[in-house]
Structure formats: C-alpha cells, structure tokens
Protein backbone atom coordinates (compact mmCIF):
# COMPACT_ATOMS: atom_id res chain seq x y z
CA MET A 1 -7.46 -18.10 -34.33
CA SER A 2 -9.56 -15.56 -32.08
CA PRO A 3 -13.17 -16.62 -32.10
CA PHE A 4 -14.27 -12.80 -33.24
CA GLY A 5 -12.17 -13.97 -36.42
CA PRO A 6 -8.93 -12.70 -37.33
CA ARG A 7 -6.53 -11.26 -35.10
CA PRO A 8 -6.05 -7.85 -35.56
CA PRO A 9 -2.40 -6.78 -35.39
CA ARG A 10 -1.10 -6.47 -31.76
CA ALA A 11 -0.08 -3.22 -29.81
CA HIS A 12 3.32 -3.08 -27.96
CA ALA A 13 4.87 -1.54 -25.62
CA SER A 14 6.99 0.99 -25.07
CA VAL A 15 10.31 0.82 -23.48
CA ASP A 16 8.57 2.37 -20.40
CA ASN A 17 6.56 0.17 -20.00
CA LEU A 18 5.88 -1.25 -16.83
CA ARG A 19 6.91 -4.90 -18.05
CA THR A 20 9.83 -4.24 -19.89
CA HIS A 21 10.73 -2.69 -16.58
CA LEU A 22 9.85 -5.39 -13.82
CA LEU A 23 11.04 -8.63 -16.39
CA ASP A 24 14.52 -6.65 -17.58
CA GLY A 25 15.90 -9.39 -14.68
CA ALA A 26 14.99 -12.42 -17.32
CA ARG A 27 17.37 -10.97 -19.77
CA THR A 28 20.57 -10.46 -17.51
CA ALA A 29 19.55 -13.27 -14.94
CA PRO A 30 16.66 -16.05 -16.36
CA HIS A 31 17.79 -18.89 -14.05
CA ARG A 32 17.62 -16.08 -10.87
CA PRO A 33 14.58 -16.91 -8.67
CA ALA A 34 11.77 -14.31 -9.47
CA VAL A 35 8.77 -15.30 -7.05
CA ILE A 36 9.55 -18.25 -4.09
CA GLN A 37 5.99 -18.83 -3.15
CA ALA A 38 3.86 -21.73 -1.32
CA ALA A 39 2.99 -24.44 -2.69
CA PRO A 40 -0.29 -25.86 -3.39
CA GLY A 41 0.42 -29.34 -1.95
CA GLY A 42 2.89 -27.95 0.61
CA GLY A 43 6.47 -26.97 0.63
CA LEU A 44 8.27 -23.92 -1.69
CA GLU A 45 7.65 -23.62 -5.14
CA THR A 46 10.42 -21.13 -7.27
CA VAL A 47 9.35 -19.08 -9.95
CA THR A 48 12.41 -18.52 -11.75
CA TYR A 49 12.68 -14.95 -13.90
CA GLY A 50 12.93 -17.13 -16.97
CA GLU A 51 9.94 -18.75 -16.05
CA LEU A 52 7.80 -15.91 -15.16
CA ALA A 53 8.72 -14.16 -18.66
CA ALA A 54 7.01 -17.59 -20.21
CA ARG A 55 3.95 -17.17 -18.23
CA THR A 56 2.98 -13.00 -19.07
CA ASP A 57 3.56 -13.95 -22.89
CA ARG A 58 1.76 -17.42 -22.66
CA CYS A 59 -1.18 -14.95 -21.07
CA ALA A 60 -0.63 -12.06 -23.13
CA ASP A 61 -0.79 -14.18 -26.19
CA ALA A 62 -4.03 -16.08 -24.93
CA LEU A 63 -5.65 -12.26 -24.16
CA ASP A 64 -4.55 -10.88 -27.48
CA ASP A 65 -6.56 -13.15 -29.39
CA LEU A 66 -9.60 -12.00 -26.83
CA GLY A 67 -9.34 -8.67 -29.21
CA LEU A 68 -9.00 -6.23 -27.48
CA ASP A 69 -8.45 -2.72 -27.54
CA VAL A 70 -5.39 -0.71 -25.25
CA GLY A 71 -7.04 1.17 -22.00
CA ASP A 72 -9.83 -1.88 -22.07
CA ARG A 73 -10.09 -2.73 -18.45
CA VAL A 74 -9.33 -6.26 -17.20
CA VAL A 75 -10.11 -6.99 -13.55
CA ILE A 76 -8.11 -9.36 -11.43
CA GLU A 77 -9.09 -11.21 -8.37
CA SER A 78 -6.01 -13.10 -6.80
CA ASP A 79 -4.24 -13.26 -3.59
CA THR A 80 -0.42 -12.86 -4.70
CA SER A 81 1.34 -14.80 -5.92
CA ALA A 82 3.53 -15.84 -9.48
CA ASP A 83 0.69 -16.37 -11.71
CA ALA A 84 -1.27 -13.25 -10.63
CA VAL A 85 1.84 -11.34 -11.20
CA ALA A 86 1.62 -13.03 -14.64
CA THR A 87 -1.62 -12.06 -15.41
CA LEU A 88 -0.71 -8.09 -14.71
CA LEU A 89 2.41 -8.17 -16.68
CA ALA A 90 0.60 -9.47 -19.65
CA CYS A 91 -2.14 -6.95 -19.19
CA ALA A 92 0.57 -4.17 -19.25
CA THR A 93 1.98 -5.90 -22.29
CA LEU A 94 -0.67 -4.98 -24.16
CA GLY A 95 -1.65 -1.81 -22.99
CA LEU A 96 -5.06 -3.35 -20.91
CA PRO A 97 -5.05 -1.48 -17.29
CA PHE A 98 -5.35 -4.02 -15.04
CA VAL A 99 -7.87 -3.74 -11.41
CA PRO A 100 -6.53 -5.74 -9.18
CA VAL A 101 -8.72 -6.98 -6.30
CA SER A 102 -8.53 -9.43 -3.55
CA PRO A 103 -10.61 -13.03 -3.45
CA GLY A 104 -12.10 -11.01 0.58
CA LEU A 105 -13.77 -8.90 -1.17
CA PRO A 106 -18.18 -7.66 -0.70
CA ASP A 107 -19.64 -8.85 -3.82
CA GLU A 108 -21.41 -5.15 -2.96
CA ARG A 109 -18.07 -3.85 -3.75
CA LEU A 110 -16.73 -5.87 -5.92
CA ARG A 111 -19.83 -4.80 -8.13
CA ALA A 112 -19.35 -1.41 -7.20
CA VAL A 113 -15.60 -1.16 -8.53
CA ILE A 114 -17.08 -3.47 -11.91
CA ASP A 115 -19.67 -0.89 -12.34
CA GLY A 116 -17.60 2.18 -11.45
CA ALA A 117 -14.52 0.50 -14.14
CA GLY A 118 -16.65 -0.89 -16.79
CA PRO A 119 -14.31 -4.25 -17.32
CA ALA A 120 -14.11 -5.61 -20.50
CA LEU A 121 -13.24 -8.85 -18.84
CA TYR A 122 -12.90 -10.42 -15.39
CA LEU A 123 -10.44 -12.54 -14.11
CA GLN A 124 -10.45 -14.80 -11.24
CA ALA A 125 -6.88 -17.40 -10.14
CA GLU A 126 -7.70 -20.99 -10.70
CA ASP A 127 -9.26 -21.23 -7.20
CA GLY A 128 -11.27 -18.71 -7.13
CA ARG A 129 -15.09 -18.95 -6.88
CA ARG A 130 -16.68 -16.08 -7.09
CA THR A 131 -19.94 -15.59 -8.39
CA GLY A 132 -21.97 -13.85 -10.19
CA ILE A 133 -19.82 -11.40 -12.74
CA PRO A 134 -22.51 -9.61 -14.31
CA GLU A 135 -22.66 -9.37 -18.44
CA PRO A 136 -21.37 -8.23 -20.65
CA VAL A 137 -18.15 -8.54 -18.28
CA GLY A 138 -16.41 -11.09 -20.02
CA THR A 139 -15.18 -13.93 -17.76
CA GLY A 140 -11.77 -16.42 -17.54
CA ARG A 141 -9.60 -17.80 -14.68
CA PHE A 142 -5.92 -18.61 -14.62
CA GLY A 143 -2.84 -20.35 -13.48
CA PRO A 144 0.38 -21.33 -14.92
CA HIS A 145 -0.81 -22.14 -18.22
CA GLY A 146 -2.26 -18.88 -19.01
CA PRO A 147 -6.36 -17.87 -18.53
CA THR A 148 -9.36 -19.97 -19.57
CA LEU A 149 -11.71 -18.27 -20.79
CA GLU A 150 -14.95 -18.94 -19.43
CA ARG A 151 -17.00 -16.46 -21.07
CA ALA A 152 -16.59 -14.46 -23.58
CA PRO A 153 -15.93 -10.57 -23.38
CA ALA A 154 -18.88 -8.40 -24.95
CA PRO A 155 -17.84 -8.47 -29.39
CA ARG A 156 -15.41 -5.69 -29.38
CA GLY A 157 -15.29 -3.73 -32.32
CA PRO A 158 -11.68 -3.25 -34.55
CA ARG A 159 -8.91 -2.11 -32.57
CA ARG A 160 -7.88 1.30 -32.99
CA ARG A 161 -4.56 1.64 -30.95
CA ARG A 162 -1.09 -0.28 -31.87
CA THR A 163 0.67 1.32 -29.74
CA VAL A 164 1.90 1.40 -25.68
CA THR A 165 3.18 3.97 -24.62
CA PRO A 166 4.06 5.40 -21.31
CA VAL A 167 1.46 7.64 -20.41
CA ASP A 168 -1.62 5.28 -20.52
CA THR A 169 -3.14 3.66 -17.77
CA ALA A 170 -0.97 0.73 -15.77
CA TYR A 171 -3.58 -0.22 -13.19
CA ILE A 172 -6.57 1.66 -11.86
CA ILE A 173 -6.74 0.99 -7.71
CA PHE A 174 -9.94 1.86 -5.66
CA THR A 175 -10.22 3.00 -2.84
CA SER A 176 -12.40 4.46 -0.93
CA GLY A 177 -13.72 7.66 -1.26
CA THR A 178 -15.65 9.83 0.63
CA THR A 179 -19.50 9.91 -0.79
CA GLY A 180 -19.24 5.51 -0.02
CA ARG A 181 -18.69 4.90 -4.08
CA PRO A 182 -15.13 3.63 -4.81
CA LYS A 183 -12.80 5.69 -6.33
CA GLY A 184 -10.58 4.74 -8.87
CA VAL A 185 -6.91 6.40 -9.56
CA THR A 186 -5.39 5.83 -12.60
CA MET A 187 -1.50 4.95 -12.37
CA SER A 188 0.05 5.18 -16.29
CA HIS A 189 3.10 3.45 -16.50
CA ARG A 190 5.82 6.59 -16.81
CA GLY A 191 4.46 7.48 -13.46
CA VAL A 192 5.18 4.06 -12.08
CA VAL A 193 8.24 2.72 -13.01
CA SER A 194 9.45 6.65 -12.97
CA PHE A 195 8.74 5.84 -9.02
CA LEU A 196 10.33 2.26 -8.85
CA ARG A 197 13.41 4.16 -10.56
CA GLY A 198 14.18 6.60 -7.60
CA VAL A 199 13.39 3.36 -5.17
CA GLN A 200 16.56 1.77 -7.41
CA ALA A 201 18.70 4.99 -6.49
CA SER A 202 18.20 4.93 -3.47
CA GLY A 203 20.50 1.62 -3.21
CA PHE A 204 18.62 -0.60 -0.58
CA LEU A 205 17.88 -4.08 -2.39
CA THR A 206 20.44 -6.14 -4.45
CA PRO A 207 19.16 -9.26 -6.51
CA ARG A 208 20.36 -11.56 -4.03
CA ASP A 209 17.38 -10.03 -1.65
CA ARG A 210 14.28 -12.04 -0.85
CA VAL A 211 11.33 -9.01 -0.46
CA ALA A 212 8.15 -10.46 1.66
CA SER A 213 5.10 -9.48 0.73
CA THR A 214 2.32 -8.94 3.71
CA ALA A 215 -0.40 -6.43 1.94
CA PRO A 216 -3.17 -7.64 -0.01
CA LEU A 217 -2.92 -7.62 -4.47
CA GLN A 218 -5.84 -4.40 -3.94
CA PHE A 219 -3.78 -2.33 -1.92
CA ASP A 220 -0.75 -0.13 -3.76
CA PHE A 221 2.23 -1.96 -0.99
CA ALA A 222 1.21 -5.07 -2.93
CA LEU A 223 2.37 -3.56 -6.24
CA PHE A 224 5.27 -1.67 -4.89
CA ASP A 225 6.77 -4.80 -3.31
CA ILE A 226 6.25 -6.93 -6.47
CA GLY A 227 7.64 -3.52 -8.13
CA PHE A 228 10.76 -3.34 -4.91
CA ALA A 229 11.90 -6.90 -5.40
CA LEU A 230 11.73 -7.32 -9.59
CA GLY A 231 12.81 -3.68 -10.46
CA HIS A 232 15.75 -5.09 -8.40
CA GLY A 233 16.27 -8.34 -10.04
CA ALA A 234 15.66 -10.35 -6.38
CA ALA A 235 12.82 -12.79 -5.93
CA LEU A 236 9.12 -12.05 -4.57
CA VAL A 237 8.03 -13.95 -1.52
CA PRO A 238 4.26 -13.40 -1.20
CA VAL A 239 3.19 -14.80 2.38
CA PRO A 240 -0.01 -16.21 2.48
CA ARG A 241 -2.82 -14.55 3.84
CA ASP A 242 -3.39 -17.73 6.85
CA ARG A 243 -0.07 -17.03 7.74
CA LEU A 244 -0.72 -13.45 8.91
CA SER A 245 -2.55 -13.83 11.79
CA TRP A 246 -0.68 -16.45 13.43
CA PRO A 247 2.57 -14.95 14.69
CA ARG A 248 4.66 -18.47 15.15
CA ARG A 249 3.04 -19.10 11.39
CA PHE A 250 4.18 -15.91 9.81
CA LEU A 251 7.51 -15.64 11.55
CA SER A 252 8.22 -19.52 9.97
CA PHE A 253 7.57 -18.69 6.80
CA LEU A 254 9.52 -16.23 6.87
CA ARG A 255 12.74 -18.60 7.98
CA GLU A 256 11.61 -21.01 5.97
CA THR A 257 11.76 -18.99 2.43
CA GLY A 258 14.94 -17.26 3.61
CA ALA A 259 12.98 -13.72 3.63
CA THR A 260 15.45 -10.58 3.93
CA GLN A 261 13.15 -7.55 3.22
CA ILE A 262 10.12 -7.78 4.74
CA ASP A 263 7.25 -5.47 4.49
CA ALA A 264 4.39 -5.02 6.84
CA VAL A 265 1.83 -2.53 8.51
CA PRO A 266 3.46 -1.51 11.53
CA SER A 267 -0.15 -3.15 13.18
CA LEU A 268 0.83 -7.04 11.43
CA TRP A 269 3.98 -6.73 14.42
CA ARG A 270 2.27 -6.32 17.01
CA PRO A 271 0.71 -9.95 17.75
CA VAL A 272 4.48 -10.79 16.94
CA LEU A 273 5.87 -8.52 19.67
CA ARG A 274 2.87 -9.31 22.14
CA HIS A 275 2.82 -13.44 21.60
CA GLU A 276 6.42 -14.53 19.83
CA PRO A 277 9.14 -12.12 20.40
CA GLY A 278 11.38 -14.26 21.32
CA MET A 279 10.94 -16.51 18.13
CA LEU A 280 11.24 -13.45 16.19
CA ALA A 281 14.62 -12.19 17.96
CA GLU A 282 15.81 -16.30 16.88
CA LEU A 283 15.39 -14.58 13.05
CA GLY A 284 17.44 -11.88 14.35
CA GLU A 285 20.03 -13.77 15.59
CA SER A 286 20.19 -15.12 12.31
CA GLY A 287 21.16 -12.60 10.46
CA THR A 288 18.62 -13.76 7.46
CA VAL A 289 16.82 -9.74 7.63
CA ARG A 290 18.25 -7.09 6.64
CA GLY A 291 15.73 -4.77 5.97
CA VAL A 292 12.09 -4.25 7.70
CA LEU A 293 10.15 -1.92 5.36
CA PHE A 294 6.53 -0.17 6.73
CA SER A 295 3.76 2.09 5.82
CA GLY A 296 0.04 2.59 5.22
CA GLU A 297 -0.33 4.01 9.54
CA ALA A 298 1.61 5.72 12.42
CA PHE A 299 4.22 2.93 13.59
CA PRO A 300 4.21 4.24 17.20
CA PRO A 301 7.97 5.35 18.71
CA ALA A 302 7.44 2.57 21.60
CA GLU A 303 6.75 -0.53 19.56
CA LEU A 304 9.17 0.12 16.71
CA ARG A 305 11.96 0.27 19.13
CA HIS A 306 10.72 -2.73 20.64
CA LEU A 307 10.99 -4.20 16.90
CA GLN A 308 14.55 -3.39 16.48
CA LYS A 309 15.45 -4.67 19.58
CA LEU A 310 14.85 -8.13 18.57
CA LEU A 311 16.06 -7.68 14.94
CA PRO A 312 19.31 -4.84 16.16
CA GLY A 313 21.18 -5.85 12.55
CA ALA A 314 17.64 -4.83 10.52
CA ASP A 315 17.55 -1.50 9.20
CA PHE A 316 14.30 -0.13 8.78
CA ILE A 317 12.87 1.84 6.29
CA ASN A 318 9.84 4.00 6.31
CA LEU A 319 7.58 4.90 3.38
CA TYR A 320 5.12 7.49 2.38
CA GLY A 321 3.11 8.24 -0.19
CA PRO A 322 -0.33 8.14 -0.70
CA THR A 323 -1.26 5.88 -3.60
CA GLU A 324 -1.27 8.51 -5.96
CA VAL A 325 2.18 8.53 -6.10
CA MET A 326 2.09 5.09 -4.80
CA ALA A 327 5.32 6.58 -2.56
CA ILE A 328 7.26 9.17 -2.62
CA SER A 329 9.75 9.27 0.41
CA VAL A 330 11.82 5.61 1.00
CA THR A 331 13.61 6.48 4.49
CA ARG A 332 16.34 4.72 6.72
CA LEU A 333 15.65 5.15 10.55
CA PRO A 334 18.40 4.39 13.18
CA ASN A 335 18.52 1.44 14.20
CA PRO A 336 18.20 1.65 17.53
CA LEU A 337 15.37 4.94 17.37
CA PRO A 338 16.24 8.31 19.56
CA ALA A 339 14.98 7.83 22.82
CA GLY A 340 12.92 10.99 22.69
CA ALA A 341 11.21 10.87 19.97
CA GLU A 342 8.60 10.69 18.84
CA ARG A 343 7.71 11.11 15.11
CA LEU A 344 9.25 9.66 12.35
CA SER A 345 11.22 10.78 9.78
CA ILE A 346 9.24 11.16 6.79
CA GLY A 347 12.63 12.22 4.51
CA THR A 348 12.75 13.80 1.05
CA ALA A 349 11.46 12.39 -2.25
CA VAL A 350 13.50 10.05 -4.16
CA PRO A 351 15.81 11.14 -6.66
CA GLY A 352 13.33 12.87 -9.50
CA ALA A 353 10.85 14.39 -7.57
CA GLU A 354 9.64 16.94 -4.41
CA MET A 355 8.07 17.14 -1.35
CA THR A 356 7.36 20.93 -0.23
CA LEU A 357 5.33 22.09 2.28
CA ILE A 358 2.00 24.75 1.67
CA GLY A 359 0.33 26.98 4.29
CA PRO A 360 -2.79 28.18 4.50
CA ASP A 361 -2.04 31.61 3.25
CA GLY A 362 -0.72 29.46 -0.34
CA ARG A 363 3.63 30.30 0.37
CA ILE A 364 5.93 27.71 1.54
CA VAL A 365 6.67 26.78 5.02
CA ASP A 366 9.97 26.07 5.28
CA GLU A 367 11.01 27.13 8.82
CA PRO A 368 11.19 24.36 11.37
CA GLY A 369 8.16 22.37 13.39
CA ARG A 370 5.80 24.57 11.42
CA ILE A 371 3.21 22.67 9.81
CA GLY A 372 2.08 22.64 6.21
CA GLU A 373 0.53 20.28 3.91
CA ILE A 374 2.29 18.22 1.78
CA HIS A 375 2.49 18.92 -1.62
CA VAL A 376 4.27 16.80 -4.57
CA ARG A 377 5.90 17.92 -7.55
CA SER A 378 6.72 14.62 -9.22
CA THR A 379 6.46 12.01 -12.56
CA SER A 380 4.97 9.26 -10.46
CA LEU A 381 2.37 11.64 -10.11
CA PHE A 382 -1.21 9.51 -10.40
CA SER A 383 -3.61 10.44 -14.13
CA GLY A 384 -6.25 11.45 -11.89
CA TYR A 385 -9.57 9.31 -10.74
CA TRP A 386 -11.48 7.50 -12.80
CA ASN A 387 -13.72 9.13 -14.62
CA ASP A 388 -13.85 11.91 -11.96
CA PRO A 389 -12.58 15.39 -13.62
CA GLN A 390 -13.83 17.05 -9.82
CA THR A 391 -11.78 14.75 -7.63
CA THR A 392 -9.14 14.83 -9.56
CA ALA A 393 -8.87 18.79 -10.38
CA ALA A 394 -8.76 19.07 -6.48
CA ALA A 395 -6.35 16.96 -5.68
CA LEU A 396 -3.88 17.88 -8.94
CA VAL A 397 -3.38 21.90 -8.79
CA PRO A 398 -1.71 24.29 -10.00
CA ASP A 399 2.18 24.24 -8.62
CA PRO A 400 1.33 27.08 -6.16
CA LEU A 401 4.72 27.94 -6.51
CA ASP A 402 4.60 28.69 -10.39
CA ARG A 403 1.31 28.95 -11.44
CA ALA A 404 1.88 30.35 -14.65
CA SER A 405 4.14 27.39 -16.24
CA GLY A 406 1.11 25.21 -15.82
CA ARG A 407 2.72 22.63 -13.66
CA LEU A 408 0.16 20.89 -11.41
CA VAL A 409 0.94 19.11 -8.09
CA LEU A 410 -0.96 17.08 -6.57
CA LYS A 411 -2.28 18.11 -3.08
CA THR A 412 -1.93 15.52 -0.44
CA GLY A 413 -4.44 15.97 2.05
CA ASP A 414 -1.02 15.22 4.88
CA LEU A 415 0.80 16.99 7.24
CA ALA A 416 3.92 17.86 7.98
CA SER A 417 6.71 19.71 9.48
CA HIS A 418 10.39 20.27 8.80
CA GLY A 419 12.76 19.13 11.63
CA PRO A 420 16.43 21.06 12.68
CA ASP A 421 17.99 18.62 10.43
CA GLY A 422 15.69 19.11 7.21
CA ASP A 423 13.71 15.96 7.11
CA LEU A 424 9.88 15.69 7.07
CA TYR A 425 7.90 14.80 9.02
CA PHE A 426 4.60 13.50 9.48
CA HIS A 427 1.64 14.46 12.00
CA GLY A 428 -1.34 13.17 10.06
CA ARG A 429 -3.96 13.93 7.52
CA ALA A 430 -5.74 17.50 7.54
CA ASP A 431 -9.10 16.14 7.56
CA SER A 432 -8.36 14.12 10.33
CA GLN A 433 -7.99 17.39 12.64
CA VAL A 434 -11.36 17.64 14.50
CA GLN A 435 -13.01 20.53 16.28
CA ILE A 436 -13.57 19.68 20.39
CA ARG A 437 -15.03 22.21 22.05
CA GLY A 438 -14.02 24.75 18.55
CA ASN A 439 -10.88 23.76 19.71
CA ARG A 440 -8.67 21.81 16.34
CA VAL A 441 -7.48 18.75 17.73
CA GLU A 442 -5.18 16.30 16.23
CA LEU A 443 -5.84 12.54 16.86
CA GLY A 444 -2.05 11.51 16.09
CA GLU A 445 -0.88 14.10 18.65
CA VAL A 446 -2.96 12.25 21.07
CA GLU A 447 -2.62 8.98 19.92
CA GLY A 448 0.83 9.54 19.82
CA ARG A 449 1.50 10.81 23.43
CA ILE A 450 -0.90 7.82 24.82
CA ALA A 451 0.91 5.25 23.08
CA ALA A 452 4.04 6.32 25.39
CA PHE A 453 2.78 5.72 28.47
CA PRO A 454 4.19 2.82 30.27
CA GLY A 455 2.21 -0.68 29.92
CA ILE A 456 0.88 0.75 26.46
CA THR A 457 1.95 -0.83 23.20
CA GLY A 458 -0.53 1.57 20.39
CA ALA A 459 -3.35 3.49 21.16
CA VAL A 460 -6.09 5.28 18.67
CA ALA A 461 -7.86 8.05 19.20
CA ALA A 462 -11.71 8.46 17.70
CA VAL A 463 -14.54 11.25 18.04
CA LEU A 464 -17.38 10.10 18.54
CA PRO A 465 -21.49 11.96 19.27
CA HIS A 466 -22.34 11.94 22.42
CA GLN A 467 -26.02 11.74 23.51
CA ASP A 468 -25.79 15.52 24.39
CA GLY A 469 -25.43 16.34 21.22
CA GLU A 470 -21.35 16.91 22.72
CA PRO A 471 -18.57 14.92 20.42
CA ARG A 472 -16.79 13.05 23.21
CA LEU A 473 -12.62 11.78 22.20
CA HIS A 474 -12.25 8.27 22.88
CA VAL A 475 -8.88 6.30 22.68
CA PHE A 476 -8.92 2.51 22.14
CA VAL A 477 -5.18 0.82 23.52
CA THR A 478 -3.48 -2.03 23.74
CA PRO A 479 -2.10 -3.24 27.12
CA ALA A 480 1.54 -4.66 27.06
CA PRO A 481 1.17 -8.55 28.14
CA GLY A 482 1.34 -8.56 31.32
CA SER A 483 0.57 -4.84 31.86
CA PRO A 484 -2.36 -4.17 34.45
CA ALA A 485 -5.12 -2.66 33.15
CA PRO A 486 -4.67 0.75 32.39
CA ASP A 487 -6.00 3.89 34.77
CA PRO A 488 -8.27 6.32 33.29
CA LYS A 489 -6.97 8.91 35.54
CA GLU A 490 -3.48 7.84 35.18
CA ILE A 491 -3.50 8.76 31.55
CA ALA A 492 -5.61 11.60 31.73
CA ALA A 493 -2.40 13.15 34.13
CA PHE A 494 -0.28 11.68 31.65
CA VAL A 495 -1.71 12.82 28.48
CA ARG A 496 -2.51 16.93 30.54
CA ALA A 497 0.92 16.84 31.23
CA ALA A 498 2.37 17.30 28.13
CA LEU A 499 -0.79 18.57 26.33
CA PRO A 500 -4.04 21.74 26.84
CA ALA A 501 -7.22 20.28 28.36
CA TYR A 502 -8.82 19.68 26.04
CA MET A 503 -7.01 16.81 24.07
CA VAL A 504 -7.06 14.58 27.49
CA PRO A 505 -9.77 11.99 26.43
CA HIS A 506 -13.34 11.33 27.92
CA HIS A 507 -13.18 7.87 27.83
CA LEU A 508 -10.33 4.85 27.91
CA HIS A 509 -10.98 1.07 25.99
CA PRO A 510 -8.70 -1.78 26.76
CA VAL A 511 -8.25 -3.57 23.84
CA ASP A 512 -7.09 -6.68 23.14
CA ALA A 513 -5.92 -5.92 19.51
CA PHE A 514 -6.92 -3.21 17.35
CA PRO A 515 -9.29 -4.75 14.34
CA LEU A 516 -7.78 -4.39 10.92
CA THR A 517 -9.07 -3.68 7.38
CA PRO A 518 -8.33 -5.92 4.67
CA ASN A 519 -5.73 -3.65 3.70
CA GLY A 520 -4.00 -4.48 6.82
CA LYS A 521 -5.11 -0.82 8.92
CA VAL A 522 -6.21 -0.23 11.55
CA ASP A 523 -10.20 -0.80 11.68
CA ARG A 524 -11.63 2.62 12.91
CA ALA A 525 -15.39 2.33 12.20
CA ALA A 526 -14.43 -1.38 14.05
CA LEU A 527 -13.70 -0.20 16.98
CA SER A 528 -16.32 2.74 17.04
CA ALA A 529 -18.92 0.33 16.85
CA LEU A 530 -17.57 -1.07 20.66
CA VAL A 531 -18.56 1.68 22.00
CA PRO A 532 -22.49 1.98 22.93
CA SER A 533 -24.54 4.44 20.74
C-alpha cells in the first residue's frame, strides 16, 4: 500500500523504452553475465541478466508505490554498479527521468544540479555518505533489494500520465555551462535507443564480450558503456574508481575480470604507458583484449602508437559525439596507425545518422582539407537543454540545407574537415580558437605539433593573460620516462618549422602528469593555476 493512499494505475513502457532495449538479454539469455563487478568483501561478483531484470523490477515496484508521475525527476548518486544500473532502468520503466551524479561531486555543485532539475527524489547507494539534501526532495538508498525510503517526497497530485512514450525523457545529464550554471542535456528514450541501435549495426561487440567502463556515472560515456554492453547482450565491467589512479591495480582488475573491451579517455592511458608498459604488454600477449575505445579528448598520435604496439591484436575505436547525441560516430582506426598520421579519423556517422560540414557562409563544405562546423541529423538528437529554450534554440537549428522542411539539426560547435578518403577529421572546438596578435589559432593544432616532438608524450595549450595586457600562449608538456627536460628553444624551432610564428608558444611548462577532472578529462583550469599571475 502506498503511504499516500491507494496506488494509482502504473504507467507502462513503450517498446522503445531504455529498459526494454537493454534488458532484452533477460528474455533471450537470462543466465548470461550482465555485470561483473568488484564484490564488497573482495573478489568478484557476477550479476546475470535474469538477476539484473529482477533487481530492476523490485526497484520499479518500490518507486511505483511513491506515486511519482511520468516526468518526475530522480537524482541517482553512485558509482557504476549492478544496483545503479537496475535503479536507472527502473526509473526508465516508469518514465522517471534519471539524473546521474557521482559521489565525488562537490556539495555546491550538487545543489546547483538539484536546483536546476527540481527532482522529486534523490537516491544514493547504500554506502553513500551524502547529507543535507534540501526539502522537499525525498531521499533514500538503493541496494540489491531495491530502494529504502528515508524521507518521503512531497505529496504528489493524481497521476496524469499512463504511458511512457519514446519521446519522453530518459535522462538528464548536467554539464558545465558558459554562465557557470550547470546545463542539463535532456535525452529521450527514442534518442538513446536510436543511437544504440546504430552502434549495434556496426558489429563491434558479441554477447561474449566484457566491456570495462572507466567513466564516472555522471559522464555520458558511462551511460554509453552501459548501453553498449547490455544492448549487445554482453557483460558490463565497472572498474572501481580507486583502481584508476594506480596503473598496476587497474591492469590487474582488467586481467581478473577478463575484460575484452576497454573504454577509457586517453588521459587514463598516459600513466599506464609511463609506469607499466610491461604489464600492459603481457595483457596484450594473452589475447584477451579485443578492443580499446576512447573518447572525450584527442589522443596524441605518439601515445596511441605506443599503446597499439603493446596491444597489437586489438581494435582501436575512436568515439566522437557531443553529449547532445551521446555519440554519433564509432570509427575503427588502423592498428598500427600510419607513420604520417597527425589527426585521427572520426569516420562517418553511425547508420541512420549523418554529419555535414557547414561553412561560415551557411553552405556545405565538401572539398578535402577545408574546415567546417559539424551539423548532425539524427533521431538520436537530444530534446533540448532543461528549462533553457534560448540555449536550446542556439544548438538545435533549422537545417541549413533544407530550411523549408522545418527539420532541426544539431549545430555542434565542433570543427572538422574531410580527408581524401571521405572520412571526417576533428579540428577541435570553434570556441577553442583563440586570437594571438590578431591571428586566429586553433589550440589543438599547436598541441598536436608539440606532442610530435621526440621525448614529449602529451601537450596541452592555453592562452593566459599577461601583466602587459597582451595574452601569452602557454603549453604544458609531459616528458617521456627517462627523457631529459625539454629545451624550450628546440621545441620553438620544431614548431616554427611547421606552423606560423604566432603559433610558437611563449612559455613551456613540463609537468609529471596532467591533472584530470572528475570526468577523466585534462583539467585545464588546474594547469593554468600552475602559472603565477
């Protein structure tokens, strides 16, 4: 019996519901592993598709008792786990958009997310330590047996909805906004399922695969890993957060779980390549690792070649796409990467989607080498930014090639060019282009050139203010193990040999490792803070 009186009729899910799509394995192969994870007392725990479906249904039944309506938001704070996945899918079953956040999120940032999303309920894992969730948001914890309510949500009115449709919101991911306020990317069931079906058509996975996921749950690629694995009937392998900072512990966990596919941002591989190349080579020699996926930032070609040398039998998959589409291309790169390759292909869009380059004049860019802004046509487009129609209208724009149709496309803000093979090659963000002495500079081009210098494994460029009012180009670099400190004059000459003089850095800063954000990307703000003002 619901604490609010007789239970109203439960909403039922459409065939395109995220839960229906991802738990199809419970119908076809209930005894197959769905999640292989670290057990609380040590060792490993395997949760089958049948058990994951049972946990999802237990959680859905408990949430249904709260009288929440289709569209009511639920914040879920957790690392990736079988119980977290079951809770996400229970919310999807009932049409409750979930808002994933990670335990390491600062209190102030979480409060901003709660203020923006206006959730009815906040749930954290059983071992969660978060306190101070504001009323009238309900609170509770979840585990293998479903959620336990701690504080009931504010009383709801009668349910107005009975069907969860494909266009209803599946989840909202809050990303950094230019105003300093988190920006909520709203994704429908149709959008995410459409993308995952496109990935399935590419044939990268089999049900026998085990996908190691390293992204925090609040990052869209954690949701990609969940969908990628479960959508193929494969097993998800969440890597514990405390294993990621220690290369040996990270590689040991991959070996223990028999992970065959590893999804990790390029920054995560850097300390592995520096400190444990031998152990990684042993993993490659075992033949277990079939694929390495990466996304979120550029992979320096020198580091990628090093990784490929240690994993010669693996496929290397470059994922491209903003949060507004989860991803849009899944591209297999050659292993080894050709010696002259300085940029990595992002290929073409997954089946059922299209990427078009548009120039500043609004016309299509199709000749090789010329840069344009990527515009995306796809049923996997996000619905909009939560409660922000103005920003939504700037991103979802009339199709510049067919304005009369009323069709909207995503104006990504990402720059790319066509290669002679027809593939697209990423050139960074339009807003990462900066002005130096009146000249437009793409920071990624500077980073790529310096990263190609012998003895340099990575480079991050930034334009920082100077006391004379003229901005300066700074570059932070990570030297290869055993290499001498880079000579700024030699690097300047190396850059000047290929790029204009205004793209030569004013200052070079060697660092042992690049600091990372909670999402695993290079923390540019932390690097900039290393430079005295």
